[in-house]
Amino acid sequence: MFECQDRTYVLATPNPNPGYCTYWTHLDLTILKHFAFDVLGLAVPDAVT
C-alpha cells in the first residue's frame, strides 16, 4: 500500500495472471483498509500510510 502525490491511496495485490498486479485505489485510506480486509482478507497495519 502506498500514497500518491495527489493523496490517492493505492493497494497492489497479486493478479491471477502471472507477472501482473491489481491496483485498488481510493481517496480515503480508512475505506481502502476496510475493503482490503472485508473483500480480500488482508489486514493493513495502521503504520502504513
N, C-alpha and C. Protein backbone atom coordinates (compact mmCIF):
# COMPACT_ATOMS: atom_id res chain seq x y z
N MET A 1 0.86 -1.16 0.00
CA MET A 1 0.00 0.00 0.00
C MET A 1 0.90 1.22 0.00
N PHE A 2 0.49 2.23 -0.77
CA PHE A 2 1.25 3.47 -0.80
C PHE A 2 0.33 4.64 -1.10
N GLU A 3 0.86 5.85 -0.87
CA GLU A 3 0.11 7.08 -1.12
C GLU A 3 0.73 7.81 -2.30
N CYS A 4 -0.10 8.24 -3.24
CA CYS A 4 0.36 9.01 -4.40
C CYS A 4 0.44 10.48 -4.03
N GLN A 5 1.08 11.26 -4.87
CA GLN A 5 1.22 12.70 -4.62
C GLN A 5 -0.11 13.42 -4.56
N ASP A 6 -1.12 12.89 -5.24
CA ASP A 6 -2.43 13.55 -5.24
C ASP A 6 -3.31 13.10 -4.07
N ARG A 7 -2.69 12.44 -3.08
CA ARG A 7 -3.37 11.96 -1.87
C ARG A 7 -4.29 10.77 -2.14
N THR A 8 -4.09 10.08 -3.23
CA THR A 8 -4.82 8.84 -3.51
C THR A 8 -4.02 7.70 -2.90
N TYR A 9 -4.70 6.77 -2.26
CA TYR A 9 -4.04 5.61 -1.66
C TYR A 9 -4.19 4.43 -2.61
N VAL A 10 -3.16 3.62 -2.71
CA VAL A 10 -3.13 2.50 -3.66
C VAL A 10 -2.75 1.24 -2.92
N LEU A 11 -3.50 0.18 -3.17
CA LEU A 11 -3.20 -1.15 -2.65
C LEU A 11 -2.93 -2.05 -3.84
N ALA A 12 -1.74 -2.62 -3.92
CA ALA A 12 -1.38 -3.53 -5.01
C ALA A 12 -1.47 -4.96 -4.50
N THR A 13 -2.18 -5.81 -5.25
CA THR A 13 -2.33 -7.21 -4.87
C THR A 13 -1.98 -8.10 -6.06
N PRO A 14 -1.60 -9.35 -5.79
CA PRO A 14 -1.32 -10.26 -6.89
C PRO A 14 -2.54 -10.45 -7.78
N ASN A 15 -2.29 -10.70 -9.03
CA ASN A 15 -3.33 -10.92 -10.02
C ASN A 15 -3.27 -12.40 -10.42
N PRO A 16 -4.39 -13.02 -10.78
CA PRO A 16 -4.34 -14.42 -11.22
C PRO A 16 -3.43 -14.65 -12.43
N ASN A 17 -3.18 -13.62 -13.20
CA ASN A 17 -2.30 -13.74 -14.36
C ASN A 17 -0.85 -13.53 -13.92
N PRO A 18 0.02 -14.50 -14.15
CA PRO A 18 1.41 -14.39 -13.71
C PRO A 18 2.08 -13.12 -14.22
N GLY A 19 2.78 -12.45 -13.30
CA GLY A 19 3.51 -11.24 -13.66
C GLY A 19 2.71 -9.96 -13.61
N TYR A 20 1.44 -10.03 -13.20
CA TYR A 20 0.58 -8.85 -13.15
C TYR A 20 0.10 -8.59 -11.73
N CYS A 21 -0.22 -7.34 -11.45
CA CYS A 21 -0.81 -6.94 -10.16
C CYS A 21 -2.13 -6.25 -10.44
N THR A 22 -3.00 -6.26 -9.44
CA THR A 22 -4.23 -5.49 -9.49
C THR A 22 -4.05 -4.32 -8.53
N TYR A 23 -4.43 -3.12 -8.97
CA TYR A 23 -4.27 -1.93 -8.15
C TYR A 23 -5.64 -1.42 -7.74
N TRP A 24 -5.87 -1.36 -6.43
CA TRP A 24 -7.11 -0.85 -5.86
C TRP A 24 -6.81 0.55 -5.33
N THR A 25 -7.62 1.54 -5.66
CA THR A 25 -7.35 2.91 -5.24
C THR A 25 -8.56 3.54 -4.56
N HIS A 26 -8.29 4.49 -3.67
CA HIS A 26 -9.35 5.26 -3.03
C HIS A 26 -8.73 6.51 -2.42
N LEU A 27 -9.51 7.56 -2.29
CA LEU A 27 -9.04 8.79 -1.66
C LEU A 27 -9.07 8.69 -0.13
N ASP A 28 -9.83 7.76 0.40
CA ASP A 28 -9.97 7.60 1.85
C ASP A 28 -9.23 6.33 2.28
N LEU A 29 -8.17 6.50 3.06
CA LEU A 29 -7.36 5.36 3.49
C LEU A 29 -8.17 4.38 4.32
N THR A 30 -9.04 4.88 5.18
CA THR A 30 -9.84 4.00 6.03
C THR A 30 -10.74 3.10 5.20
N ILE A 31 -11.36 3.65 4.19
CA ILE A 31 -12.24 2.85 3.32
C ILE A 31 -11.43 1.79 2.58
N LEU A 32 -10.25 2.16 2.09
CA LEU A 32 -9.42 1.19 1.37
C LEU A 32 -8.95 0.07 2.31
N LYS A 33 -8.62 0.40 3.54
CA LYS A 33 -8.22 -0.62 4.52
C LYS A 33 -9.38 -1.57 4.82
N HIS A 34 -10.57 -1.02 4.99
CA HIS A 34 -11.75 -1.86 5.24
C HIS A 34 -12.04 -2.76 4.04
N PHE A 35 -11.91 -2.22 2.84
CA PHE A 35 -12.10 -3.02 1.63
C PHE A 35 -11.09 -4.17 1.60
N ALA A 36 -9.83 -3.85 1.87
CA ALA A 36 -8.78 -4.87 1.85
C ALA A 36 -9.10 -5.99 2.82
N PHE A 37 -9.61 -5.65 3.99
CA PHE A 37 -9.92 -6.68 4.99
C PHE A 37 -11.20 -7.43 4.65
N ASP A 38 -12.26 -6.69 4.35
CA ASP A 38 -13.57 -7.31 4.11
C ASP A 38 -13.62 -8.14 2.83
N VAL A 39 -13.02 -7.65 1.76
CA VAL A 39 -13.13 -8.31 0.46
C VAL A 39 -11.95 -9.24 0.19
N LEU A 40 -10.74 -8.79 0.53
CA LEU A 40 -9.54 -9.56 0.19
C LEU A 40 -8.97 -10.34 1.37
N GLY A 41 -9.45 -10.06 2.58
CA GLY A 41 -8.93 -10.75 3.76
C GLY A 41 -7.54 -10.30 4.16
N LEU A 42 -7.16 -9.07 3.77
CA LEU A 42 -5.84 -8.53 4.09
C LEU A 42 -5.95 -7.49 5.20
N ALA A 43 -5.18 -7.68 6.25
CA ALA A 43 -5.14 -6.70 7.34
C ALA A 43 -3.98 -5.75 7.06
N VAL A 44 -4.28 -4.46 6.91
CA VAL A 44 -3.26 -3.46 6.64
C VAL A 44 -2.92 -2.78 7.96
N PRO A 45 -1.65 -2.81 8.38
CA PRO A 45 -1.28 -2.16 9.64
C PRO A 45 -1.53 -0.66 9.61
N ASP A 46 -1.78 -0.07 10.75
CA ASP A 46 -2.02 1.38 10.84
C ASP A 46 -0.79 2.18 10.45
N ALA A 47 0.40 1.63 10.60
CA ALA A 47 1.62 2.37 10.30
C ALA A 47 1.81 2.60 8.81
N VAL A 48 1.07 1.90 7.96
CA VAL A 48 1.20 2.05 6.52
C VAL A 48 0.33 3.19 6.06
N THR A 49 0.94 4.25 5.55
CA THR A 49 0.18 5.39 5.02
C THR A 49 0.83 5.91 3.77
